[in-house]
C-alpha atoms as a PDB file:
ATOM      1  CA  MET A   1       0.034   0.038  -0.032  1.00  0.00           C
ATOM      2  CA  THR A   2       1.138   3.511  -0.676  1.00  0.00           C
ATOM      3  CA  THR A   3       3.501   4.877   2.061  1.00  0.00           C
ATOM      4  CA  ASN A   4       1.806   6.422   4.929  1.00  0.00           C
ATOM      5  CA  ALA A   5      -1.673   6.385   3.399  1.00  0.00           C
ATOM      6  CA  GLN A   6      -4.751   5.881   5.624  1.00  0.00           C
ATOM      7  CA  VAL A   7      -7.626   4.375   3.627  1.00  0.00           C
ATOM      8  CA  GLN A   8     -11.147   4.551   4.716  1.00  0.00           C
ATOM      9  CA  VAL A   9     -13.862   2.715   2.571  1.00  0.00           C
ATOM     10  CA  LEU A  10     -17.304   4.114   3.099  1.00  0.00           C
ATOM     11  CA  PRO A  11     -20.758   2.808   1.861  1.00  0.00           C
ATOM     12  CA  ASP A  12     -21.374   5.351  -0.958  1.00  0.00           C
ATOM     13  CA  ALA A  13     -20.369   8.735  -2.384  1.00  0.00           C
ATOM     14  CA  ALA A  14     -22.661  10.537   0.033  1.00  0.00           C
ATOM     15  CA  ALA A  15     -20.798   9.072   2.941  1.00  0.00           C
ATOM     16  CA  VAL A  16     -17.488   9.990   1.396  1.00  0.00           C
ATOM     17  CA  ALA A  17     -18.709  13.633   1.137  1.00  0.00           C
ATOM     18  CA  GLN A  18     -19.879  13.596   4.711  1.00  0.00           C
ATOM     19  CA  GLU A  19     -16.668  12.256   6.128  1.00  0.00           C
ATOM     20  CA  ALA A  20     -14.622  14.657   4.096  1.00  0.00           C
ATOM     21  CA  ALA A  21     -16.676  17.557   5.371  1.00  0.00           C
ATOM     22  CA  GLN A  22     -16.382  16.463   8.893  1.00  0.00           C
ATOM     23  CA  ARG A  23     -12.612  16.187   8.554  1.00  0.00           C
ATOM     24  CA  PHE A  24     -12.447  19.626   7.011  1.00  0.00           C
ATOM     25  CA  VAL A  25     -14.227  21.007  10.098  1.00  0.00           C
ATOM     26  CA  ALA A  26     -11.943  19.255  12.526  1.00  0.00           C
ATOM     27  CA  LEU A  27      -8.785  20.272  10.778  1.00  0.00           C
ATOM     28  CA  ALA A  28      -9.987  23.870  10.535  1.00  0.00           C
ATOM     29  CA  GLN A  29     -10.848  24.016  14.208  1.00  0.00           C
ATOM     30  CA  GLU A  30      -7.513  22.464  15.213  1.00  0.00           C
ATOM     31  CA  ALA A  31      -5.414  24.629  13.027  1.00  0.00           C
ATOM     32  CA  VAL A  32      -7.178  27.866  14.052  1.00  0.00           C
ATOM     33  CA  ALA A  33      -6.827  27.016  17.806  1.00  0.00           C
ATOM     34  CA  ARG A  34      -3.163  26.244  17.308  1.00  0.00           C
ATOM     35  CA  ARG A  35      -2.052  29.123  15.274  1.00  0.00           C
ATOM     36  CA  GLY A  36      -5.074  31.340  14.320  1.00  0.00           C
ATOM     37  CA  GLN A  37      -5.299  30.297  10.606  1.00  0.00           C
ATOM     38  CA  PHE A  38      -6.433  27.345   8.399  1.00  0.00           C
ATOM     39  CA  SER A  39      -5.369  27.183   4.831  1.00  0.00           C
ATOM     40  CA  ALA A  40      -7.071  24.709   2.429  1.00  0.00           C
ATOM     41  CA  ALA A  41      -6.822  24.009  -1.243  1.00  0.00           C
ATOM     42  CA  LEU A  42     -10.170  22.924  -2.859  1.00  0.00           C
ATOM     43  CA  ALA A  43     -10.717  20.601  -5.799  1.00  0.00           C
ATOM     44  CA  GLY A  44     -13.286  20.308  -8.588  1.00  0.00           C
ATOM     45  CA  GLY A  45     -15.535  17.275  -9.153  1.00  0.00           C
ATOM     46  CA  SER A  46     -18.927  15.880  -8.036  1.00  0.00           C
ATOM     47  CA  THR A  47     -17.807  14.370  -4.734  1.00  0.00           C
ATOM     48  CA  PRO A  48     -16.016  17.599  -3.633  1.00  0.00           C
ATOM     49  CA  LYS A  49     -19.085  19.569  -4.699  1.00  0.00           C
ATOM     50  CA  ALA A  50     -21.250  17.404  -2.465  1.00  0.00           C
ATOM     51  CA  MET A  51     -18.769  17.967   0.450  1.00  0.00           C
ATOM     52  CA  TYR A  52     -18.906  21.721  -0.123  1.00  0.00           C
ATOM     53  CA  GLN A  53     -22.674  21.569  -0.070  1.00  0.00           C
ATOM     54  CA  LEU A  54     -22.620  20.067   3.400  1.00  0.00           C
ATOM     55  CA  LEU A  55     -20.169  22.670   4.735  1.00  0.00           C
ATOM     56  CA  ALA A  56     -22.401  25.439   3.340  1.00  0.00           C
ATOM     57  CA  GLN A  57     -25.491  24.452   5.549  1.00  0.00           C
ATOM     58  CA  PRO A  58     -26.115  23.687   9.269  1.00  0.00           C
ATOM     59  CA  PRO A  59     -24.858  22.083  11.282  1.00  0.00           C
ATOM     60  CA  LEU A  60     -21.281  22.138   9.657  1.00  0.00           C
ATOM     61  CA  ARG A  61     -21.418  25.659   8.531  1.00  0.00           C
ATOM     62  CA  GLU A  62     -21.561  27.015  12.082  1.00  0.00           C
ATOM     63  CA  GLN A  63     -18.556  24.847  13.154  1.00  0.00           C
ATOM     64  CA  VAL A  64     -15.979  26.331  10.945  1.00  0.00           C
ATOM     65  CA  PRO A  65     -14.250  29.544  11.989  1.00  0.00           C
ATOM     66  CA  TRP A  66     -14.609  30.963   8.458  1.00  0.00           C
ATOM     67  CA  GLU A  67     -13.048  34.306   9.342  1.00  0.00           C
ATOM     68  CA  HIS A  68      -9.841  32.559   9.791  1.00  0.00           C
ATOM     69  CA  VAL A  69      -9.934  30.219   6.830  1.00  0.00           C
ATOM     70  CA  LEU A  70      -7.985  30.874   3.569  1.00  0.00           C
ATOM     71  CA  LEU A  71      -9.138  29.010   0.453  1.00  0.00           C
ATOM     72  CA  PHE A  72      -7.008  28.235  -2.618  1.00  0.00           C
ATOM     73  CA  TRP A  73      -7.556  25.813  -5.521  1.00  0.00           C
ATOM     74  CA  SER A  74      -5.393  22.787  -6.221  1.00  0.00           C
ATOM     75  CA  ASP A  75      -6.144  23.137  -9.935  1.00  0.00           C
ATOM     76  CA  GLU A  76      -8.188  25.191 -12.246  1.00  0.00           C
ATOM     77  CA  ARG A  77      -9.262  25.314 -15.815  1.00  0.00           C
ATOM     78  CA  PHE A  78      -7.898  28.305 -17.681  1.00  0.00           C
ATOM     79  CA  VAL A  79     -11.318  29.763 -18.233  1.00  0.00           C
ATOM     80  CA  ALA A  80     -13.284  32.756 -17.008  1.00  0.00           C
ATOM     81  CA  PRO A  81     -14.345  32.445 -13.218  1.00  0.00           C
ATOM     82  CA  ASP A  82     -17.992  32.488 -14.402  1.00  0.00           C
ATOM     83  CA  ASP A  83     -17.483  29.764 -16.964  1.00  0.00           C
ATOM     84  CA  ALA A  84     -19.301  26.367 -16.482  1.00  0.00           C
ATOM     85  CA  GLU A  85     -15.979  24.661 -16.534  1.00  0.00           C
ATOM     86  CA  SER A  86     -14.554  26.665 -13.619  1.00  0.00           C
ATOM     87  CA  ASN A  87     -13.649  24.996 -10.453  1.00  0.00           C
ATOM     88  CA  PHE A  88     -13.984  28.349  -8.725  1.00  0.00           C
ATOM     89  CA  LEU A  89     -17.524  28.698 -10.036  1.00  0.00           C
ATOM     90  CA  LEU A  90     -18.336  25.189  -8.680  1.00  0.00           C
ATOM     91  CA  ALA A  91     -17.026  26.130  -5.235  1.00  0.00           C
ATOM     92  CA  ARG A  92     -18.637  29.533  -5.285  1.00  0.00           C
ATOM     93  CA  GLU A  93     -22.063  28.252  -5.962  1.00  0.00           C
ATOM     94  CA  ALA A  94     -21.914  25.287  -3.671  1.00  0.00           C
ATOM     95  CA  LEU A  95     -20.013  26.875  -0.832  1.00  0.00           C
ATOM     96  CA  LEU A  96     -18.684  30.445  -0.974  1.00  0.00           C
ATOM     97  CA  ASP A  97     -22.093  32.112  -1.656  1.00  0.00           C
ATOM     98  CA  HIS A  98     -23.525  30.436   1.544  1.00  0.00           C
ATOM     99  CA  ILE A  99     -20.801  31.007   4.258  1.00  0.00           C
ATOM    100  CA  PRO A 100     -19.348  33.982   6.149  1.00  0.00           C
ATOM    101  CA  LEU A 101     -15.969  33.755   4.521  1.00  0.00           C
ATOM    102  CA  PRO A 102     -14.410  37.201   4.064  1.00  0.00           C
ATOM    103  CA  ALA A 103     -14.076  37.905   0.363  1.00  0.00           C
ATOM    104  CA  ALA A 104     -10.364  38.646   0.831  1.00  0.00           C
ATOM    105  CA  ASN A 105      -9.866  35.101   2.187  1.00  0.00           C
ATOM    106  CA  ALA A 106     -10.656  33.301  -1.052  1.00  0.00           C
ATOM    107  CA  PHE A 107      -7.837  33.092  -3.717  1.00  0.00           C
ATOM    108  CA  PRO A 108      -9.086  31.972  -7.075  1.00  0.00           C
ATOM    109  CA  VAL A 109      -6.526  31.314  -9.783  1.00  0.00           C
ATOM    110  CA  PRO A 110      -6.135  34.467 -11.910  1.00  0.00           C
ATOM    111  CA  THR A 111      -7.321  33.160 -15.203  1.00  0.00           C
ATOM    112  CA  ILE A 112      -8.273  36.494 -16.891  1.00  0.00           C
ATOM    113  CA  GLY A 113      -5.821  38.903 -18.633  1.00  0.00           C
ATOM    114  CA  SER A 114      -2.659  36.829 -18.714  1.00  0.00           C
ATOM    115  CA  SER A 115      -1.098  33.690 -20.037  1.00  0.00           C
ATOM    116  CA  PRO A 116      -1.385  30.226 -18.191  1.00  0.00           C
ATOM    117  CA  GLU A 117       2.336  30.560 -17.393  1.00  0.00           C
ATOM    118  CA  ALA A 118       1.940  34.114 -15.883  1.00  0.00           C
ATOM    119  CA  ALA A 119      -1.120  32.962 -14.023  1.00  0.00           C
ATOM    120  CA  ALA A 120       0.723  29.887 -12.495  1.00  0.00           C
ATOM    121  CA  MET A 121       3.668  32.111 -11.385  1.00  0.00           C
ATOM    122  CA  ALA A 122       1.379  34.759  -9.887  1.00  0.00           C
ATOM    123  CA  TYR A 123      -0.624  32.016  -8.115  1.00  0.00           C
ATOM    124  CA  ALA A 124       2.501  30.504  -6.530  1.00  0.00           C
ATOM    125  CA  GLU A 125       3.384  34.018  -5.229  1.00  0.00           C
ATOM    126  CA  THR A 126      -0.063  34.516  -3.808  1.00  0.00           C
ATOM    127  CA  ILE A 127       0.199  31.190  -2.020  1.00  0.00           C
ATOM    128  CA  ALA A 128       3.626  31.964  -0.506  1.00  0.00           C
ATOM    129  CA  ALA A 129       2.478  35.530   0.491  1.00  0.00           C
ATOM    130  CA  ASN A 130      -0.374  34.056   2.547  1.00  0.00           C
ATOM    131  CA  THR A 131       1.168  30.851   3.920  1.00  0.00           C
ATOM    132  CA  GLY A 132       4.738  31.682   4.355  1.00  0.00           C
ATOM    133  CA  GLU A 133       7.835  30.911   2.210  1.00  0.00           C
ATOM    134  CA  THR A 134       7.620  27.164   2.890  1.00  0.00           C
ATOM    135  CA  MET A 135       4.147  27.105   1.283  1.00  0.00           C
ATOM    136  CA  VAL A 136       2.778  24.337   3.628  1.00  0.00           C
ATOM    137  CA  LEU A 137      -1.028  24.227   3.305  1.00  0.00           C
ATOM    138  CA  ASP A 138      -2.984  22.803   6.182  1.00  0.00           C
ATOM    139  CA  LEU A 139      -5.135  20.760   3.739  1.00  0.00           C
ATOM    140  CA  VAL A 140      -4.979  19.975   0.132  1.00  0.00           C
ATOM    141  CA  LEU A 141      -8.208  18.283  -1.189  1.00  0.00           C
ATOM    142  CA  LEU A 142      -7.926  16.190  -4.202  1.00  0.00           C
ATOM    143  CA  GLY A 143     -10.140  14.178  -6.449  1.00  0.00           C
ATOM    144  CA  MET A 144      -9.075  11.273  -8.863  1.00  0.00           C
ATOM    145  CA  GLY A 145     -10.201  10.418 -12.272  1.00  0.00           C
ATOM    146  CA  PRO A 146     -10.615   6.864 -13.697  1.00  0.00           C
ATOM    147  CA  ASP A 147      -7.284   7.203 -15.352  1.00  0.00           C
ATOM    148  CA  GLY A 148      -5.572   8.053 -12.077  1.00  0.00           C
ATOM    149  CA  HIS A 149      -5.002  11.739 -12.663  1.00  0.00           C
ATOM    150  CA  THR A 150      -5.332  14.126  -9.731  1.00  0.00           C
ATOM    151  CA  ALA A 151      -5.402  17.930  -9.865  1.00  0.00           C
ATOM    152  CA  SER A 152      -4.508  18.467 -13.485  1.00  0.00           C
ATOM    153  CA  LEU A 153      -1.594  16.106 -13.422  1.00  0.00           C
ATOM    154  CA  PHE A 154      -2.306  13.304 -16.040  1.00  0.00           C
ATOM    155  CA  PRO A 155      -0.591   9.961 -16.651  1.00  0.00           C
ATOM    156  CA  GLY A 156       2.368  10.435 -19.034  1.00  0.00           C
ATOM    157  CA  HIS A 157       1.969  14.209 -19.174  1.00  0.00           C
ATOM    158  CA  PRO A 158       5.153  16.290 -19.116  1.00  0.00           C
ATOM    159  CA  ALA A 159       3.791  18.150 -16.109  1.00  0.00           C
ATOM    160  CA  LEU A 160       4.426  15.206 -14.006  1.00  0.00           C
ATOM    161  CA  THR A 161       8.189  15.576 -14.441  1.00  0.00           C
ATOM    162  CA  ILE A 162       8.274  19.340 -14.103  1.00  0.00           C
ATOM    163  CA  LEU A 163      11.228  20.869 -12.271  1.00  0.00           C
ATOM    164  CA  PRO A 164      10.760  20.336  -8.520  1.00  0.00           C
ATOM    165  CA  SER A 165      11.366  24.049  -7.914  1.00  0.00           C
ATOM    166  CA  LEU A 166       7.989  24.923  -9.395  1.00  0.00           C
ATOM    167  CA  ASP A 167       4.937  24.767  -7.196  1.00  0.00           C
ATOM    168  CA  VAL A 168       2.167  25.788  -9.601  1.00  0.00           C
ATOM    169  CA  ILE A 169       2.368  25.178 -13.261  1.00  0.00           C
ATOM    170  CA  ALA A 170       0.572  25.726 -16.521  1.00  0.00           C
ATOM    171  CA  VAL A 171      -0.766  22.598 -18.191  1.00  0.00           C
ATOM    172  CA  HIS A 172      -1.309  22.510 -21.826  1.00  0.00           C
ATOM    173  CA  HIS A 173      -2.839  19.767 -24.074  1.00  0.00           C
ATOM    174  CA  SER A 174      -4.914  18.170 -21.277  1.00  0.00           C
ATOM    175  CA  PRO A 175      -6.250  14.899 -22.386  1.00  0.00           C
ATOM    176  CA  LYS A 176      -9.638  16.095 -20.822  1.00  0.00           C
ATOM    177  CA  PRO A 177     -11.101  19.478 -22.060  1.00  0.00           C
ATOM    178  CA  PRO A 178     -10.490  22.310 -21.559  1.00  0.00           C
ATOM    179  CA  PRO A 179      -6.861  21.826 -22.811  1.00  0.00           C
ATOM    180  CA  ASP A 180      -5.280  24.676 -20.810  1.00  0.00           C
ATOM    181  CA  ARG A 181      -5.068  24.502 -16.934  1.00  0.00           C
ATOM    182  CA  ILE A 182      -3.291  25.522 -13.877  1.00  0.00           C
ATOM    183  CA  SER A 183      -2.190  22.934 -11.338  1.00  0.00           C
ATOM    184  CA  PHE A 184      -0.428  22.403  -8.110  1.00  0.00           C
ATOM    185  CA  THR A 185       2.669  20.184  -8.725  1.00  0.00           C
ATOM    186  CA  LEU A 186       3.425  17.065  -6.670  1.00  0.00           C
ATOM    187  CA  PRO A 187       6.211  18.935  -4.481  1.00  0.00           C
ATOM    188  CA  LEU A 188       3.622  21.531  -3.411  1.00  0.00           C
ATOM    189  CA  ILE A 189       0.949  18.857  -2.713  1.00  0.00           C
ATOM    190  CA  ASN A 190       3.393  16.688  -0.828  1.00  0.00           C
ATOM    191  CA  ARG A 191       4.293  19.537   1.490  1.00  0.00           C
ATOM    192  CA  ALA A 192       0.895  19.835   2.829  1.00  0.00           C
ATOM    193  CA  ALA A 193       0.137  18.974   6.436  1.00  0.00           C
ATOM    194  CA  ASN A 194      -2.860  16.942   5.338  1.00  0.00           C
ATOM    195  CA  VAL A 195      -4.062  15.590   1.994  1.00  0.00           C
ATOM    196  CA  LEU A 196      -7.413  14.167   1.460  1.00  0.00           C
ATOM    197  CA  VAL A 197      -7.962  12.154  -1.790  1.00  0.00           C
ATOM    198  CA  LEU A 198     -11.633  11.528  -2.629  1.00  0.00           C
ATOM    199  CA  ALA A 199     -12.609   8.715  -5.059  1.00  0.00           C
ATOM    200  CA  THR A 200     -16.087   7.345  -5.746  1.00  0.00           C
ATOM    201  CA  GLY A 201     -17.579   5.085  -8.401  1.00  0.00           C
ATOM    202  CA  ALA A 202     -16.855   1.733  -9.832  1.00  0.00           C
ATOM    203  CA  GLU A 203     -15.073   3.127 -12.944  1.00  0.00           C
ATOM    204  CA  LYS A 204     -12.247   4.265 -10.477  1.00  0.00           C
ATOM    205  CA  ALA A 205     -11.720   0.852  -8.833  1.00  0.00           C
ATOM    206  CA  GLU A 206      -8.708  -0.181 -10.858  1.00  0.00           C
ATOM    207  CA  ALA A 207      -7.035   3.150 -10.520  1.00  0.00           C
ATOM    208  CA  VAL A 208      -7.499   3.173  -6.682  1.00  0.00           C
ATOM    209  CA  ARG A 209      -6.095  -0.360  -6.615  1.00  0.00           C
ATOM    210  CA  GLN A 210      -3.049   0.620  -8.718  1.00  0.00           C
ATOM    211  CA  CYS A 211      -2.420   3.725  -6.620  1.00  0.00           C
ATOM    212  CA  LEU A 212      -2.720   1.846  -3.176  1.00  0.00           C
ATOM    213  CA  ARG A 213      -1.760  -1.615  -4.036  1.00  0.00           C
ATOM    214  CA  PRO A 214       0.471  -1.569  -7.194  1.00  0.00           C
ATOM    215  CA  ALA A 215       1.643  -4.706  -8.675  1.00  0.00           C
ATOM    216  CA  ALA A 216       5.336  -5.329  -9.185  1.00  0.00           C
ATOM    217  CA  GLY A 217       6.563  -3.249 -12.157  1.00  0.00           C
ATOM    218  CA  GLU A 218       3.318  -1.376 -12.491  1.00  0.00           C
ATOM    219  CA  ALA A 219       3.692   2.219 -13.518  1.00  0.00           C
ATOM    220  CA  ALA A 220       2.833   4.793 -10.825  1.00  0.00           C
ATOM    221  CA  LEU A 221      -0.354   6.826 -11.507  1.00  0.00           C
ATOM    222  CA  PRO A 222      -0.237  10.471 -10.628  1.00  0.00           C
ATOM    223  CA  ALA A 223      -2.572  10.054  -7.634  1.00  0.00           C
ATOM    224  CA  GLY A 224      -0.242   7.250  -6.440  1.00  0.00           C
ATOM    225  CA  LEU A 225       2.575   9.771  -6.395  1.00  0.00           C
ATOM    226  CA  VAL A 226       0.861  11.840  -3.734  1.00  0.00           C
ATOM    227  CA  ARG A 227       2.891  11.009  -0.565  1.00  0.00           C
ATOM    228  CA  PRO A 228       3.085  13.944   1.826  1.00  0.00           C
ATOM    229  CA  ARG A 229       5.960  13.818   4.223  1.00  0.00           C
ATOM    230  CA  PRO A 230       5.727  14.338   7.162  1.00  0.00           C
ATOM    231  CA  GLY A 231       2.098  15.173   6.419  1.00  0.00           C
ATOM    232  CA  THR A 232      -0.887  12.916   6.700  1.00  0.00           C
ATOM    233  CA  LEU A 233      -2.362  11.228   3.557  1.00  0.00           C
ATOM    234  CA  THR A 234      -5.971   9.905   3.743  1.00  0.00           C
ATOM    235  CA  TRP A 235      -7.910   8.292   0.961  1.00  0.00           C
ATOM    236  CA  LEU A 236     -11.730   8.369   1.358  1.00  0.00           C
ATOM    237  CA  VAL A 237     -13.334   5.963  -1.005  1.00  0.00           C
ATOM    238  CA  ASP A 238     -16.666   4.441  -1.482  1.00  0.00           C
ATOM    239  CA  ALA A 239     -17.296   0.689  -1.783  1.00  0.00           C
ATOM    240  CA  ALA A 240     -17.467   0.702  -5.473  1.00  0.00           C
ATOM    241  CA  ALA A 241     -14.236   2.574  -5.892  1.00  0.00           C
ATOM    242  CA  GLY A 242     -12.582   0.422  -3.157  1.00  0.00           C
ATOM    243  CA  ALA A 243     -13.871  -2.828  -4.543  1.00  0.00           C
ATOM    244  CA  ALA A 244     -10.416  -4.014  -5.858  1.00  0.00           C
ATOM    245  CA  LEU A 245      -8.514  -3.302  -2.701  1.00  0.00           C
END
């Protein structure tokens, strides 16, 4: 099994979203109590969306110290923030519009008025300015596709082997539309204090197995390369996605 991964298999996607939301609340409370701030990177996808909807309503909404929460995005499509493909729009409609988070505490990727490369560089600077030079986030939330991609890091894509000094990168020619994206790199993800990987659905069962229980000589999938040290890695999967474990 992947080094230092904790795996929790839950009955269905709704249970995964519930567990993820409760973990978000607990991590936020703990970080704010310890040092007055909680930094989290959100993800796109249907299961994260369900998690956001739970955080946006009682009882969980009132349990998060939102005024001390900083929100970033672990990847974003290079589209306008009101585009249907935007991860920011998904989070805004499911979560941000319903919680007392100060507007200045949300940091969407700047996808308007610059190139993907310039946006990636600016976003890395934004993260560093708000989390410190070490850029250690309290939580990075990730989904995973049936091909084992996570954030916008796809199997066999040049972005996987990018220079380790880069924390946020432009991704071109994505195998899934839209073709241009901005993504956290593995070095930034693996510096996080906590990483939550959410995977639901039978179509992801083989990728989950390959990430967590790879066979000898099997190529590592991007999600399987998520190994925060000394941070905590937790996979939350439903019974269908965990069927091959």
